[in-house]
Amino acid sequence: MQRWPWIAGLISAAAALNPIGQDFIIAAFFSGEQLSRNIAQPLVFIAALALVVLGLVEWWIRMMLRKRTAAKTVSPRD
């Protein structure tokens, strides 16, 4: 069974759905002013990249823990 990085997903949802995150998303993609789009778009893309990296780190940690517990449960043959 594959475990998805749910902690990173919750953090991503909280970052995107809070009022400050929504303001940045609106300023980055739906603003009528070019200056606010030019300022907000790199910030939104950097935050999205950081959240993707967080998800990959969580997935990697879960994979390592799964391998470690699988190695411990295998008993040596006598």
PDB file of N, CA and C in Angstrom:
ATOM      1  N   MET A   1       0.838  -1.178   0.000  1.00  0.00           N
ATOM      2  CA  MET A   1       0.000   0.000   0.000  1.00  0.00           C
ATOM      3  C   MET A   1       0.883   1.240   0.000  1.00  0.00           C
ATOM      4  N   GLN A   2       0.613   2.132  -0.915  1.00  0.00           N
ATOM      5  CA  GLN A   2       1.398   3.345  -1.038  1.00  0.00           C
ATOM      6  C   GLN A   2       0.842   4.415  -0.110  1.00  0.00           C
ATOM      7  N   ARG A   3       1.716   5.023   0.668  1.00  0.00           N
ATOM      8  CA  ARG A   3       1.308   6.104   1.556  1.00  0.00           C
ATOM      9  C   ARG A   3       1.695   7.428   0.926  1.00  0.00           C
ATOM     10  N   TRP A   4       0.735   8.309   0.740  1.00  0.00           N
ATOM     11  CA  TRP A   4       0.987   9.607   0.141  1.00  0.00           C
ATOM     12  C   TRP A   4       1.466  10.576   1.209  1.00  0.00           C
ATOM     13  N   PRO A   5       2.235  11.576   0.828  1.00  0.00           N
ATOM     14  CA  PRO A   5       2.721  12.555   1.814  1.00  0.00           C
ATOM     15  C   PRO A   5       1.584  13.480   2.277  1.00  0.00           C
ATOM     16  N   TRP A   6       0.811  13.012   3.223  1.00  0.00           N
ATOM     17  CA  TRP A   6      -0.373  13.742   3.639  1.00  0.00           C
ATOM     18  C   TRP A   6      -0.037  14.953   4.493  1.00  0.00           C
ATOM     19  N   ILE A   7       1.074  14.930   5.208  1.00  0.00           N
ATOM     20  CA  ILE A   7       1.443  16.086   6.026  1.00  0.00           C
ATOM     21  C   ILE A   7       1.787  17.261   5.119  1.00  0.00           C
ATOM     22  N   ALA A   8       2.563  17.009   4.085  1.00  0.00           N
ATOM     23  CA  ALA A   8       2.890  18.070   3.127  1.00  0.00           C
ATOM     24  C   ALA A   8       1.634  18.536   2.399  1.00  0.00           C
ATOM     25  N   GLY A   9       0.709  17.645   2.149  1.00  0.00           N
ATOM     26  CA  GLY A   9      -0.551  18.030   1.512  1.00  0.00           C
ATOM     27  C   GLY A   9      -1.376  18.951   2.389  1.00  0.00           C
ATOM     28  N   LEU A  10      -1.412  18.654   3.685  1.00  0.00           N
ATOM     29  CA  LEU A  10      -2.146  19.522   4.606  1.00  0.00           C
ATOM     30  C   LEU A  10      -1.502  20.900   4.707  1.00  0.00           C
ATOM     31  N   ILE A  11      -0.170  20.925   4.753  1.00  0.00           N
ATOM     32  CA  ILE A  11       0.534  22.209   4.821  1.00  0.00           C
ATOM     33  C   ILE A  11       0.304  23.002   3.536  1.00  0.00           C
ATOM     34  N   SER A  12       0.317  22.318   2.405  1.00  0.00           N
ATOM     35  CA  SER A  12       0.076  22.989   1.124  1.00  0.00           C
ATOM     36  C   SER A  12      -1.338  23.563   1.068  1.00  0.00           C
ATOM     37  N   ALA A  13      -2.304  22.785   1.511  1.00  0.00           N
ATOM     38  CA  ALA A  13      -3.685  23.265   1.515  1.00  0.00           C
ATOM     39  C   ALA A  13      -3.851  24.448   2.458  1.00  0.00           C
ATOM     40  N   ALA A  14      -3.218  24.370   3.622  1.00  0.00           N
ATOM     41  CA  ALA A  14      -3.314  25.482   4.571  1.00  0.00           C
ATOM     42  C   ALA A  14      -2.653  26.742   4.009  1.00  0.00           C
ATOM     43  N   ALA A  15      -1.549  26.574   3.302  1.00  0.00           N
ATOM     44  CA  ALA A  15      -0.863  27.735   2.721  1.00  0.00           C
ATOM     45  C   ALA A  15      -1.681  28.348   1.596  1.00  0.00           C
ATOM     46  N   ALA A  16      -2.359  27.539   0.819  1.00  0.00           N
ATOM     47  CA  ALA A  16      -3.108  28.058  -0.323  1.00  0.00           C
ATOM     48  C   ALA A  16      -4.488  28.573   0.063  1.00  0.00           C
ATOM     49  N   LEU A  17      -5.061  28.048   1.122  1.00  0.00           N
ATOM     50  CA  LEU A  17      -6.434  28.404   1.461  1.00  0.00           C
ATOM     51  C   LEU A  17      -6.571  29.483   2.525  1.00  0.00           C
ATOM     52  N   ASN A  18      -5.469  29.890   3.162  1.00  0.00           N
ATOM     53  CA  ASN A  18      -5.601  30.971   4.134  1.00  0.00           C
ATOM     54  C   ASN A  18      -5.689  32.308   3.397  1.00  0.00           C
ATOM     55  N   PRO A  19      -6.156  33.362   4.038  1.00  0.00           N
ATOM     56  CA  PRO A  19      -6.363  34.639   3.334  1.00  0.00           C
ATOM     57  C   PRO A  19      -5.086  35.231   2.726  1.00  0.00           C
ATOM     58  N   ILE A  20      -3.968  35.083   3.384  1.00  0.00           N
ATOM     59  CA  ILE A  20      -2.723  35.624   2.840  1.00  0.00           C
ATOM     60  C   ILE A  20      -2.304  34.846   1.597  1.00  0.00           C
ATOM     61  N   GLY A  21      -2.427  33.524   1.643  1.00  0.00           N
ATOM     62  CA  GLY A  21      -2.105  32.717   0.477  1.00  0.00           C
ATOM     63  C   GLY A  21      -3.022  33.010  -0.690  1.00  0.00           C
ATOM     64  N   GLN A  22      -4.290  33.200  -0.420  1.00  0.00           N
ATOM     65  CA  GLN A  22      -5.232  33.538  -1.482  1.00  0.00           C
ATOM     66  C   GLN A  22      -4.925  34.907  -2.076  1.00  0.00           C
ATOM     67  N   ASP A  23      -4.523  35.863  -1.232  1.00  0.00           N
ATOM     68  CA  ASP A  23      -4.151  37.179  -1.747  1.00  0.00           C
ATOM     69  C   ASP A  23      -2.947  37.094  -2.678  1.00  0.00           C
ATOM     70  N   PHE A  24      -1.952  36.271  -2.308  1.00  0.00           N
ATOM     71  CA  PHE A  24      -0.793  36.118  -3.174  1.00  0.00           C
ATOM     72  C   PHE A  24      -1.156  35.447  -4.497  1.00  0.00           C
ATOM     73  N   ILE A  25      -2.006  34.449  -4.447  1.00  0.00           N
ATOM     74  CA  ILE A  25      -2.416  33.767  -5.682  1.00  0.00           C
ATOM     75  C   ILE A  25      -3.206  34.711  -6.581  1.00  0.00           C
ATOM     76  N   ILE A  26      -4.090  35.486  -5.996  1.00  0.00           N
ATOM     77  CA  ILE A  26      -4.865  36.450  -6.782  1.00  0.00           C
ATOM     78  C   ILE A  26      -3.950  37.519  -7.358  1.00  0.00           C
ATOM     79  N   ALA A  27      -3.003  38.009  -6.549  1.00  0.00           N
ATOM     80  CA  ALA A  27      -2.074  39.034  -7.045  1.00  0.00           C
ATOM     81  C   ALA A  27      -1.156  38.481  -8.125  1.00  0.00           C
ATOM     82  N   ALA A  28      -0.817  37.202  -8.035  1.00  0.00           N
ATOM     83  CA  ALA A  28       0.122  36.619  -8.992  1.00  0.00           C
ATOM     84  C   ALA A  28      -0.518  36.339 -10.335  1.00  0.00           C
ATOM     85  N   PHE A  29      -1.779  35.965 -10.365  1.00  0.00           N
ATOM     86  CA  PHE A  29      -2.371  35.498 -11.618  1.00  0.00           C
ATOM     87  C   PHE A  29      -3.584  36.290 -12.091  1.00  0.00           C
ATOM     88  N   PHE A  30      -4.253  36.995 -11.213  1.00  0.00           N
ATOM     89  CA  PHE A  30      -5.493  37.660 -11.601  1.00  0.00           C
ATOM     90  C   PHE A  30      -5.458  39.174 -11.424  1.00  0.00           C
ATOM     91  N   SER A  31      -4.314  39.723 -11.055  1.00  0.00           N
ATOM     92  CA  SER A  31      -4.223  41.152 -10.833  1.00  0.00           C
ATOM     93  C   SER A  31      -4.213  41.911 -12.153  1.00  0.00           C
ATOM     94  N   GLY A  32      -4.793  43.091 -12.141  1.00  0.00           N
ATOM     95  CA  GLY A  32      -4.787  43.924 -13.326  1.00  0.00           C
ATOM     96  C   GLY A  32      -3.508  44.728 -13.477  1.00  0.00           C
ATOM     97  N   GLU A  33      -2.684  44.761 -12.431  1.00  0.00           N
ATOM     98  CA  GLU A  33      -1.443  45.531 -12.466  1.00  0.00           C
ATOM     99  C   GLU A  33      -0.276  44.605 -12.781  1.00  0.00           C
ATOM    100  N   GLN A  34       0.508  44.984 -13.741  1.00  0.00           N
ATOM    101  CA  GLN A  34       1.667  44.186 -14.142  1.00  0.00           C
ATOM    102  C   GLN A  34       2.702  44.120 -13.031  1.00  0.00           C
ATOM    103  N   LEU A  35       2.893  45.218 -12.287  1.00  0.00           N
ATOM    104  CA  LEU A  35       3.899  45.243 -11.227  1.00  0.00           C
ATOM    105  C   LEU A  35       3.581  44.227 -10.139  1.00  0.00           C
ATOM    106  N   SER A  36       2.330  44.148  -9.717  1.00  0.00           N
ATOM    107  CA  SER A  36       1.987  43.185  -8.657  1.00  0.00           C
ATOM    108  C   SER A  36       2.112  41.747  -9.161  1.00  0.00           C
ATOM    109  N   ARG A  37       1.799  41.511 -10.449  1.00  0.00           N
ATOM    110  CA  ARG A  37       1.992  40.171 -11.004  1.00  0.00           C
ATOM    111  C   ARG A  37       3.473  39.816 -11.051  1.00  0.00           C
ATOM    112  N   ASN A  38       4.312  40.781 -11.444  1.00  0.00           N
ATOM    113  CA  ASN A  38       5.746  40.525 -11.528  1.00  0.00           C
ATOM    114  C   ASN A  38       6.368  40.283 -10.162  1.00  0.00           C
ATOM    115  N   ILE A  39       5.818  40.860  -9.139  1.00  0.00           N
ATOM    116  CA  ILE A  39       6.340  40.649  -7.786  1.00  0.00           C
ATOM    117  C   ILE A  39       5.805  39.342  -7.200  1.00  0.00           C
ATOM    118  N   ALA A  40       4.523  39.069  -7.371  1.00  0.00           N
ATOM    119  CA  ALA A  40       3.887  37.941  -6.695  1.00  0.00           C
ATOM    120  C   ALA A  40       4.131  36.599  -7.378  1.00  0.00           C
ATOM    121  N   GLN A  41       4.256  36.565  -8.704  1.00  0.00           N
ATOM    122  CA  GLN A  41       4.424  35.281  -9.395  1.00  0.00           C
ATOM    123  C   GLN A  41       5.676  34.527  -8.966  1.00  0.00           C
ATOM    124  N   PRO A  42       6.859  35.175  -8.902  1.00  0.00           N
ATOM    125  CA  PRO A  42       8.020  34.407  -8.428  1.00  0.00           C
ATOM    126  C   PRO A  42       7.858  33.909  -6.996  1.00  0.00           C
ATOM    127  N   LEU A  43       7.211  34.695  -6.152  1.00  0.00           N
ATOM    128  CA  LEU A  43       7.000  34.262  -4.767  1.00  0.00           C
ATOM    129  C   LEU A  43       6.084  33.045  -4.702  1.00  0.00           C
ATOM    130  N   VAL A  44       5.032  33.046  -5.502  1.00  0.00           N
ATOM    131  CA  VAL A  44       4.108  31.903  -5.524  1.00  0.00           C
ATOM    132  C   VAL A  44       4.806  30.669  -6.090  1.00  0.00           C
ATOM    133  N   PHE A  45       5.583  30.840  -7.154  1.00  0.00           N
ATOM    134  CA  PHE A  45       6.293  29.696  -7.737  1.00  0.00           C
ATOM    135  C   PHE A  45       7.350  29.142  -6.777  1.00  0.00           C
ATOM    136  N   ILE A  46       8.055  30.006  -6.055  1.00  0.00           N
ATOM    137  CA  ILE A  46       9.049  29.544  -5.080  1.00  0.00           C
ATOM    138  C   ILE A  46       8.359  28.793  -3.941  1.00  0.00           C
ATOM    139  N   ALA A  47       7.230  29.312  -3.470  1.00  0.00           N
ATOM    140  CA  ALA A  47       6.489  28.636  -2.393  1.00  0.00           C
ATOM    141  C   ALA A  47       5.973  27.279  -2.872  1.00  0.00           C
ATOM    142  N   ALA A  48       5.482  27.214  -4.105  1.00  0.00           N
ATOM    143  CA  ALA A  48       5.006  25.938  -4.644  1.00  0.00           C
ATOM    144  C   ALA A  48       6.148  24.941  -4.773  1.00  0.00           C
ATOM    145  N   LEU A  49       7.297  25.406  -5.227  1.00  0.00           N
ATOM    146  CA  LEU A  49       8.454  24.526  -5.334  1.00  0.00           C
ATOM    147  C   LEU A  49       8.902  24.034  -3.958  1.00  0.00           C
ATOM    148  N   ALA A  50       8.879  24.904  -2.966  1.00  0.00           N
ATOM    149  CA  ALA A  50       9.244  24.492  -1.609  1.00  0.00           C
ATOM    150  C   ALA A  50       8.274  23.448  -1.070  1.00  0.00           C
ATOM    151  N   LEU A  51       6.991  23.587  -1.371  1.00  0.00           N
ATOM    152  CA  LEU A  51       6.013  22.609  -0.904  1.00  0.00           C
ATOM    153  C   LEU A  51       6.154  21.275  -1.630  1.00  0.00           C
ATOM    154  N   VAL A  52       6.527  21.312  -2.903  1.00  0.00           N
ATOM    155  CA  VAL A  52       6.787  20.061  -3.633  1.00  0.00           C
ATOM    156  C   VAL A  52       8.007  19.358  -3.054  1.00  0.00           C
ATOM    157  N   VAL A  53       9.050  20.122  -2.754  1.00  0.00           N
ATOM    158  CA  VAL A  53      10.249  19.537  -2.136  1.00  0.00           C
ATOM    159  C   VAL A  53       9.910  18.955  -0.767  1.00  0.00           C
ATOM    160  N   LEU A  54       9.077  19.646  -0.008  1.00  0.00           N
ATOM    161  CA  LEU A  54       8.640  19.126   1.284  1.00  0.00           C
ATOM    162  C   LEU A  54       7.912  17.796   1.126  1.00  0.00           C
ATOM    163  N   GLY A  55       7.055  17.692   0.118  1.00  0.00           N
ATOM    164  CA  GLY A  55       6.360  16.431  -0.151  1.00  0.00           C
ATOM    165  C   GLY A  55       7.318  15.324  -0.535  1.00  0.00           C
ATOM    166  N   LEU A  56       8.330  15.640  -1.348  1.00  0.00           N
ATOM    167  CA  LEU A  56       9.325  14.624  -1.733  1.00  0.00           C
ATOM    168  C   LEU A  56      10.152  14.169  -0.538  1.00  0.00           C
ATOM    169  N   VAL A  57      10.505  15.094   0.342  1.00  0.00           N
ATOM    170  CA  VAL A  57      11.255  14.723   1.546  1.00  0.00           C
ATOM    171  C   VAL A  57      10.414  13.833   2.448  1.00  0.00           C
ATOM    172  N   GLU A  58       9.143  14.178   2.604  1.00  0.00           N
ATOM    173  CA  GLU A  58       8.269  13.338   3.419  1.00  0.00           C
ATOM    174  C   GLU A  58       8.128  11.942   2.809  1.00  0.00           C
ATOM    175  N   TRP A  59       7.962  11.867   1.500  1.00  0.00           N
ATOM    176  CA  TRP A  59       7.858  10.566   0.830  1.00  0.00           C
ATOM    177  C   TRP A  59       9.141   9.757   1.022  1.00  0.00           C
ATOM    178  N   TRP A  60      10.304  10.403   0.906  1.00  0.00           N
ATOM    179  CA  TRP A  60      11.585   9.711   1.059  1.00  0.00           C
ATOM    180  C   TRP A  60      11.752   9.193   2.485  1.00  0.00           C
ATOM    181  N   ILE A  61      11.389  10.008   3.480  1.00  0.00           N
ATOM    182  CA  ILE A  61      11.495   9.579   4.879  1.00  0.00           C
ATOM    183  C   ILE A  61      10.578   8.391   5.134  1.00  0.00           C
ATOM    184  N   ARG A  62       9.361   8.439   4.610  1.00  0.00           N
ATOM    185  CA  ARG A  62       8.445   7.310   4.793  1.00  0.00           C
ATOM    186  C   ARG A  62       8.979   6.042   4.130  1.00  0.00           C
ATOM    187  N   MET A  63       9.595   6.172   2.974  1.00  0.00           N
ATOM    188  CA  MET A  63      10.161   5.020   2.283  1.00  0.00           C
ATOM    189  C   MET A  63      11.318   4.420   3.091  1.00  0.00           C
ATOM    190  N   MET A  64      12.176   5.270   3.640  1.00  0.00           N
ATOM    191  CA  MET A  64      13.297   4.779   4.446  1.00  0.00           C
ATOM    192  C   MET A  64      12.800   4.096   5.715  1.00  0.00           C
ATOM    193  N   LEU A  65      11.800   4.662   6.361  1.00  0.00           N
ATOM    194  CA  LEU A  65      11.259   4.035   7.566  1.00  0.00           C
ATOM    195  C   LEU A  65      10.599   2.696   7.243  1.00  0.00           C
ATOM    196  N   ARG A  66       9.919   2.627   6.105  1.00  0.00           N
ATOM    197  CA  ARG A  66       9.292   1.370   5.702  1.00  0.00           C
ATOM    198  C   ARG A  66      10.341   0.304   5.441  1.00  0.00           C
ATOM    199  N   LYS A  67      11.436   0.679   4.791  1.00  0.00           N
ATOM    200  CA  LYS A  67      12.501  -0.290   4.531  1.00  0.00           C
ATOM    201  C   LYS A  67      13.161  -0.737   5.833  1.00  0.00           C
ATOM    202  N   ARG A  68      13.337   0.202   6.760  1.00  0.00           N
ATOM    203  CA  ARG A  68      13.967  -0.140   8.031  1.00  0.00           C
ATOM    204  C   ARG A  68      13.096  -1.094   8.844  1.00  0.00           C
ATOM    205  N   THR A  69      11.793  -0.839   8.887  1.00  0.00           N
ATOM    206  CA  THR A  69      10.920  -1.733   9.643  1.00  0.00           C
ATOM    207  C   THR A  69      10.780  -3.084   8.948  1.00  0.00           C
ATOM    208  N   ALA A  70      10.828  -3.104   7.614  1.00  0.00           N
ATOM    209  CA  ALA A  70      10.758  -4.377   6.902  1.00  0.00           C
ATOM    210  C   ALA A  70      12.025  -5.196   7.155  1.00  0.00           C
ATOM    211  N   ALA A  71      13.161  -4.538   7.268  1.00  0.00           N
ATOM    212  CA  ALA A  71      14.410  -5.250   7.530  1.00  0.00           C
ATOM    213  C   ALA A  71      14.441  -5.810   8.949  1.00  0.00           C
ATOM    214  N   LYS A  72      13.821  -5.119   9.898  1.00  0.00           N
ATOM    215  CA  LYS A  72      13.802  -5.583  11.268  1.00  0.00           C
ATOM    216  C   LYS A  72      12.840  -6.746  11.462  1.00  0.00           C
ATOM    217  N   THR A  73      11.773  -6.806  10.700  1.00  0.00           N
ATOM    218  CA  THR A  73      10.779  -7.857  10.897  1.00  0.00           C
ATOM    219  C   THR A  73      11.200  -9.183  10.284  1.00  0.00           C
ATOM    220  N   VAL A  74      12.138  -9.163   9.356  1.00  0.00           N
ATOM    221  CA  VAL A  74      12.613 -10.408   8.756  1.00  0.00           C
ATOM    222  C   VAL A  74      13.522 -11.100   9.740  1.00  0.00           C
ATOM    223  N   SER A  75      13.192 -12.312  10.120  1.00  0.00           N
ATOM    224  CA  SER A  75      14.008 -13.033  11.094  1.00  0.00           C
ATOM    225  C   SER A  75      15.022 -13.915  10.344  1.00  0.00           C
ATOM    226  N   PRO A  76      16.237 -14.008  10.880  1.00  0.00           N
ATOM    227  CA  PRO A  76      17.233 -14.857  10.231  1.00  0.00           C
ATOM    228  C   PRO A  76      16.901 -16.331  10.428  1.00  0.00           C
ATOM    229  N   ARG A  77      17.245 -17.142   9.459  1.00  0.00           N
ATOM    230  CA  ARG A  77      16.976 -18.567   9.543  1.00  0.00           C
ATOM    231  C   ARG A  77      18.055 -19.244  10.371  1.00  0.00           C
ATOM    232  N   ASP A  78      17.637 -20.196  11.180  1.00  0.00           N
ATOM    233  CA  ASP A  78      18.594 -20.932  12.037  1.00  0.00           C
ATOM    234  C   ASP A  78      19.111 -22.151  11.367  1.00  0.00           C
TER     235      ASP A  78
END
